[in-house]
Amino acid sequence: MDIRYEAQYHLLEEQHWWFQARRDFVFALVQELGLAPTAPLLEIGCSGGPLLLRLRESGFSNITGIDISPRAIELAHRRGLPNSFAMDATKLDFADESFDIIIASDVLEHIEDEAQALREWHRVLRPGGRLIVFVPAFSMLWSQHDVVNHHFRRYTRETLLTALRQGAFSISRSSYWNGVLFAPALLVRGMQRLLQPNAPAAEAADANGDLTALPKSINKALLSLLRFENKLLGKLNFPVGMSVFAIAHKSVSQRS
C-alpha cells in the first residue's frame, strides 16, 4: 500500500461510509455464527483496530489482530489493543489450530502468493473453524485505486471460491457486497479508461485512490444506503457488487 494512501486510510477508517458499512456487515456475520465470547478470534489486516474494538465492546475477550504495517499496529496499540502484531499474513507466528474464527477483509488481493496465504490461514484455524473473507470484485473495475493499494488481482465469486477450495476450505456462503454502487462504479471506470486510454498506471494513480473525505451529509447518505443493503444481504445473495465475500470453514475431520 502506498504510504501516503495508508496515512489517509488511518485518518478515515473509523468514519468513512465504506469501512463503517463493511464493519457493520462483518460484525453481523460474526454474530450469526453464535460463538462463545471466549472464542479465539484473529483479524488479518486489522489496520488500526476499529473492528477489533467493536468486537471487544460486544464481549469478545480473546481477540488478536495482525497487519503487515508497523504503523497500523502502532495505532492499534495506542487505541488499547495490545494483542496486535506486525506480521506477514503468509507466515503466521501462531501454533496450528489456534483460532475458531479468522476475518480477512481486503487482504488476499494484496498477497502475490494467494495459495500460501490460504494454507497458513487453514493451518491456524481449528477444525470446524470459520474464515470470513472479503476481496474486491471484477477485473473490469480495476482502477488507480488498485494501483495505489498494490493489488495483484480482483476476484469474481467463482475465482474466490476456487481459491478457497484449493486451500482445503469448504464454503458455507458467498455473495457479492455493495451491489447498489456497482453500475455507477462500472460507468465511472469505463469513462476513466476512455479518457485516459494510454495513461501509465503509476502516473494515473492518485495517492489517495478512491479514498477521500466526503461532506458529512453525503457520507451519511451512502452509509445509510449500504446499511439498507446489509439488511437485504441478511436474507439473500447478490449477483454483482463492488466486493465479493465468502464464509468458509475447515472440516472437522481436517487436521493441520
Protein backbone atom coordinates (compact mmCIF):
# COMPACT_ATOMS: atom_id res chain seq x y z
CA MET A 1 0.00 0.00 0.00
CA ASP A 2 1.26 3.46 -0.86
CA ILE A 3 2.46 5.21 2.33
CA ARG A 4 0.52 8.37 1.53
CA TYR A 5 -2.63 6.32 0.96
CA GLU A 6 -2.10 4.48 4.24
CA ALA A 7 -1.91 7.76 6.15
CA GLN A 8 -5.23 8.83 4.60
CA TYR A 9 -6.71 5.41 5.32
CA HIS A 10 -5.98 5.64 9.03
CA LEU A 11 -7.47 9.12 9.20
CA LEU A 12 -10.73 7.97 7.64
CA GLU A 13 -11.19 4.29 8.51
CA GLU A 14 -13.40 4.88 11.55
CA GLN A 15 -15.93 7.23 9.94
CA HIS A 16 -15.77 6.61 6.17
CA TRP A 17 -19.05 5.19 4.83
CA TRP A 18 -17.44 2.24 3.03
CA PHE A 19 -15.48 0.99 6.03
CA GLN A 20 -18.30 1.59 8.50
CA ALA A 21 -20.81 -0.32 6.37
CA ARG A 22 -18.43 -3.21 5.80
CA ARG A 23 -17.58 -3.42 9.51
CA ASP A 24 -21.30 -3.48 10.25
CA PHE A 25 -21.76 -6.40 7.91
CA VAL A 26 -18.71 -8.35 9.07
CA PHE A 27 -19.81 -7.81 12.67
CA ALA A 28 -23.28 -9.16 11.81
CA LEU A 29 -21.72 -12.22 10.13
CA VAL A 30 -19.66 -12.90 13.25
CA GLN A 31 -22.74 -12.59 15.46
CA GLU A 32 -24.64 -15.05 13.28
CA LEU A 33 -22.00 -17.71 13.99
CA GLY A 34 -23.06 -17.80 17.64
CA LEU A 35 -19.53 -18.02 19.01
CA ALA A 36 -18.75 -18.02 22.70
CA PRO A 37 -17.31 -14.70 23.95
CA THR A 38 -14.08 -16.53 24.80
CA ALA A 39 -13.65 -17.98 21.30
CA PRO A 40 -10.17 -17.13 19.95
CA LEU A 41 -10.55 -14.74 17.03
CA LEU A 42 -7.92 -13.46 14.59
CA GLU A 43 -8.32 -10.49 12.29
CA ILE A 44 -5.79 -10.50 9.45
CA GLY A 45 -5.25 -6.99 8.14
CA CYS A 46 -6.63 -5.35 11.28
CA SER A 47 -5.25 -1.90 10.41
CA GLY A 48 -5.70 0.42 13.40
CA GLY A 49 -8.19 -1.97 15.00
CA PRO A 50 -11.70 -0.45 14.66
CA LEU A 51 -13.36 -3.84 14.11
CA LEU A 52 -11.41 -5.43 16.97
CA LEU A 53 -12.52 -2.62 19.26
CA ARG A 54 -16.14 -3.21 18.31
CA LEU A 55 -15.82 -6.94 18.87
CA ARG A 56 -14.25 -6.33 22.27
CA GLU A 57 -17.03 -3.91 23.21
CA SER A 58 -19.58 -6.57 22.28
CA GLY A 59 -18.00 -9.04 24.72
CA PHE A 60 -15.31 -10.93 22.79
CA SER A 61 -12.37 -11.32 25.16
CA ASN A 62 -9.87 -13.40 23.15
CA ILE A 63 -9.13 -11.26 20.10
CA THR A 64 -5.90 -10.94 18.13
CA GLY A 65 -5.01 -8.74 15.20
CA ILE A 66 -2.17 -8.70 12.71
CA ASP A 67 -1.21 -6.29 9.94
CA ILE A 68 1.75 -6.08 7.62
CA SER A 69 2.18 -2.40 8.52
CA PRO A 70 4.03 -1.49 11.75
CA ARG A 71 2.32 1.92 11.55
CA ALA A 72 -1.09 0.28 11.67
CA ILE A 73 -0.10 -1.86 14.66
CA GLU A 74 1.33 1.16 16.47
CA LEU A 75 -2.05 2.85 16.04
CA ALA A 76 -3.86 -0.26 17.28
CA HIS A 77 -1.68 -0.28 20.39
CA ARG A 78 -2.48 3.39 21.01
CA ARG A 79 -6.15 2.51 20.76
CA GLY A 80 -5.78 -0.06 23.52
CA LEU A 81 -5.28 -3.28 21.54
CA PRO A 82 -2.03 -4.76 22.87
CA ASN A 83 -2.70 -8.19 21.34
CA SER A 84 -2.00 -6.91 17.82
CA PHE A 85 1.19 -7.61 15.91
CA ALA A 86 3.06 -6.62 12.75
CA MET A 87 3.12 -9.87 10.81
CA ASP A 88 3.15 -11.29 7.30
CA ALA A 89 -0.18 -12.97 6.52
CA THR A 90 1.67 -15.72 4.62
CA LYS A 91 3.95 -16.53 7.58
CA LEU A 92 1.83 -16.53 10.71
CA ASP A 93 3.64 -16.81 14.01
CA PHE A 94 0.88 -18.86 15.64
CA ALA A 95 0.59 -22.52 16.52
CA ASP A 96 -1.53 -24.89 14.49
CA GLU A 97 -5.27 -24.76 15.21
CA SER A 98 -5.10 -21.59 17.32
CA PHE A 99 -8.33 -19.82 16.27
CA ASP A 100 -12.05 -20.50 15.98
CA ILE A 101 -12.58 -17.68 13.51
CA ILE A 102 -10.40 -15.69 11.11
CA ILE A 103 -11.51 -12.44 9.47
CA ALA A 104 -9.66 -11.09 6.44
CA SER A 105 -11.22 -8.04 4.77
CA ASP A 106 -9.46 -6.77 1.65
CA VAL A 107 -6.26 -8.68 2.35
CA LEU A 108 -5.96 -11.57 -0.10
CA GLU A 109 -5.73 -9.32 -3.16
CA HIS A 110 -2.58 -7.71 -1.68
CA ILE A 111 -0.77 -11.06 -1.49
CA GLU A 112 1.05 -12.34 -4.54
CA ASP A 113 1.19 -15.95 -3.29
CA GLU A 114 -2.50 -16.41 -2.63
CA ALA A 115 -2.17 -20.18 -2.15
CA GLN A 116 0.48 -19.84 0.57
CA ALA A 117 -1.68 -17.33 2.46
CA LEU A 118 -4.68 -19.65 2.41
CA ARG A 119 -2.56 -22.60 3.53
CA GLU A 120 -1.40 -20.58 6.53
CA TRP A 121 -4.90 -19.44 7.38
CA HIS A 122 -6.13 -23.02 7.14
CA ARG A 123 -3.26 -24.20 9.34
CA VAL A 124 -4.02 -21.86 12.26
CA LEU A 125 -7.78 -22.42 12.08
CA ARG A 126 -9.25 -25.10 14.29
CA PRO A 127 -11.29 -27.93 12.74
CA GLY A 128 -14.81 -26.59 12.38
CA GLY A 129 -13.48 -23.02 12.50
CA ARG A 130 -14.70 -20.30 10.14
CA LEU A 131 -12.99 -17.90 7.76
CA ILE A 132 -14.75 -14.69 6.72
CA VAL A 133 -13.01 -13.19 3.70
CA PHE A 134 -13.77 -10.08 1.62
CA VAL A 135 -12.00 -9.12 -1.62
CA PRO A 136 -12.58 -6.51 -4.35
CA ALA A 137 -14.66 -7.78 -7.26
CA PHE A 138 -14.35 -7.84 -11.04
CA SER A 139 -11.25 -7.01 -13.06
CA MET A 140 -13.41 -4.66 -15.17
CA LEU A 141 -13.47 -2.37 -12.10
CA TRP A 142 -9.66 -2.21 -11.95
CA SER A 143 -8.55 1.39 -11.44
CA GLN A 144 -5.94 3.69 -9.95
CA HIS A 145 -7.32 2.65 -6.57
CA ASP A 146 -5.98 -0.86 -7.15
CA VAL A 147 -2.62 0.51 -8.25
CA VAL A 148 -2.21 2.68 -5.16
CA ASN A 149 -3.22 -0.25 -2.97
CA HIS A 150 -0.70 -2.58 -4.66
CA HIS A 151 -3.37 -5.12 -5.58
CA PHE A 152 -2.38 -8.21 -7.53
CA ARG A 153 -5.89 -9.13 -8.64
CA ARG A 154 -9.62 -8.65 -8.34
CA TYR A 155 -11.99 -11.59 -7.95
CA THR A 156 -15.26 -12.97 -9.14
CA ARG A 157 -17.33 -15.14 -6.84
CA GLU A 158 -16.14 -18.17 -8.81
CA THR A 159 -12.42 -17.35 -8.62
CA LEU A 160 -12.63 -16.66 -4.89
CA LEU A 161 -14.42 -19.93 -4.21
CA THR A 162 -11.94 -21.83 -6.39
CA ALA A 163 -9.03 -20.39 -4.42
CA LEU A 164 -10.68 -21.28 -1.11
CA ARG A 165 -11.46 -24.84 -2.19
CA GLN A 166 -7.90 -25.31 -3.44
CA GLY A 167 -6.82 -24.17 0.02
CA ALA A 168 -8.85 -27.06 1.53
CA PHE A 169 -11.73 -24.88 2.75
CA SER A 170 -15.38 -25.76 2.38
CA ILE A 171 -17.84 -22.98 1.56
CA SER A 172 -20.74 -22.06 3.82
CA ARG A 173 -21.92 -18.94 1.99
CA SER A 174 -20.78 -16.49 -0.67
CA SER A 175 -22.16 -13.37 -2.29
CA TYR A 176 -21.27 -10.00 -3.70
CA TRP A 177 -21.43 -6.92 -1.49
CA ASN A 178 -22.15 -3.28 -2.35
CA GLY A 179 -24.28 -4.14 -5.34
CA VAL A 180 -26.10 -0.82 -5.25
CA LEU A 181 -23.00 1.07 -6.41
CA PHE A 182 -21.80 -1.48 -8.94
CA ALA A 183 -23.39 0.12 -12.01
CA PRO A 184 -22.24 3.68 -11.19
CA ALA A 185 -18.72 2.42 -10.47
CA LEU A 186 -18.62 0.46 -13.73
CA LEU A 187 -19.66 3.59 -15.63
CA VAL A 188 -17.00 5.72 -13.93
CA ARG A 189 -14.27 3.13 -14.58
CA GLY A 190 -15.29 2.95 -18.23
CA MET A 191 -15.14 6.72 -18.59
CA GLN A 192 -11.72 6.82 -16.94
CA ARG A 193 -10.34 4.27 -19.40
CA LEU A 194 -11.95 6.11 -22.31
CA LEU A 195 -10.48 9.48 -21.32
CA GLN A 196 -7.04 8.13 -20.36
CA PRO A 197 -6.55 5.06 -22.56
CA ASN A 198 -2.75 5.25 -22.66
CA ALA A 199 -2.02 6.65 -19.20
CA PRO A 200 0.62 4.53 -17.40
CA ALA A 201 -0.87 3.01 -14.28
CA ALA A 202 1.70 4.54 -11.96
CA GLU A 203 1.19 8.02 -13.42
CA ALA A 204 -2.58 7.73 -13.39
CA ALA A 205 -2.67 6.69 -9.76
CA ASP A 206 -3.75 9.39 -7.37
CA ALA A 207 -2.04 8.94 -4.00
CA ASN A 208 -5.45 8.64 -2.33
CA GLY A 209 -7.03 6.30 -4.87
CA ASP A 210 -10.79 6.47 -4.29
CA LEU A 211 -10.40 7.24 -0.59
CA THR A 212 -11.44 10.82 0.12
CA ALA A 213 -13.29 12.57 2.91
CA LEU A 214 -16.82 13.45 1.81
CA PRO A 215 -19.20 16.04 3.23
CA LYS A 216 -20.96 14.60 6.28
CA SER A 217 -24.35 14.61 4.57
CA ILE A 218 -23.10 12.56 1.61
CA ASN A 219 -21.12 10.21 3.85
CA LYS A 220 -24.24 9.65 5.95
CA ALA A 221 -26.41 9.04 2.89
CA LEU A 222 -24.03 6.47 1.42
CA LEU A 223 -23.70 4.76 4.79
CA SER A 224 -27.49 4.55 5.13
CA LEU A 225 -27.72 3.09 1.62
CA LEU A 226 -25.21 0.35 2.36
CA ARG A 227 -26.74 -0.38 5.75
CA PHE A 228 -30.05 -0.97 3.99
CA GLU A 229 -28.27 -3.29 1.58
CA ASN A 230 -26.68 -5.09 4.53
CA LYS A 231 -30.17 -5.88 5.81
CA LEU A 232 -31.13 -7.32 2.44
CA LEU A 233 -27.98 -9.44 2.43
CA GLY A 234 -29.19 -10.99 5.64
CA LYS A 235 -31.90 -12.65 3.55
CA LEU A 236 -30.47 -13.07 0.03
CA ASN A 237 -27.30 -13.05 -2.05
CA PHE A 238 -26.41 -10.51 -4.75
CA PRO A 239 -25.37 -11.38 -8.33
CA VAL A 240 -22.92 -8.44 -8.64
CA GLY A 241 -21.18 -5.96 -6.38
CA MET A 242 -18.05 -3.95 -5.70
CA SER A 243 -16.77 -6.69 -3.39
CA VAL A 244 -17.23 -10.41 -3.05
CA PHE A 245 -17.23 -12.27 0.25
CA ALA A 246 -17.31 -15.83 1.46
CA ILE A 247 -17.75 -17.66 4.72
CA ALA A 248 -15.65 -20.80 4.58
CA HIS A 249 -14.86 -23.46 7.14
CA LYS A 250 -12.26 -26.06 7.93
CA SER A 251 -13.72 -29.54 8.06
CA VAL A 252 -13.95 -31.11 11.50
CA SER A 253 -12.11 -34.13 10.08
CA GLN A 254 -9.18 -32.00 8.84
CA ARG A 255 -6.06 -31.58 10.92
CA SER A 256 -3.19 -29.18 10.20
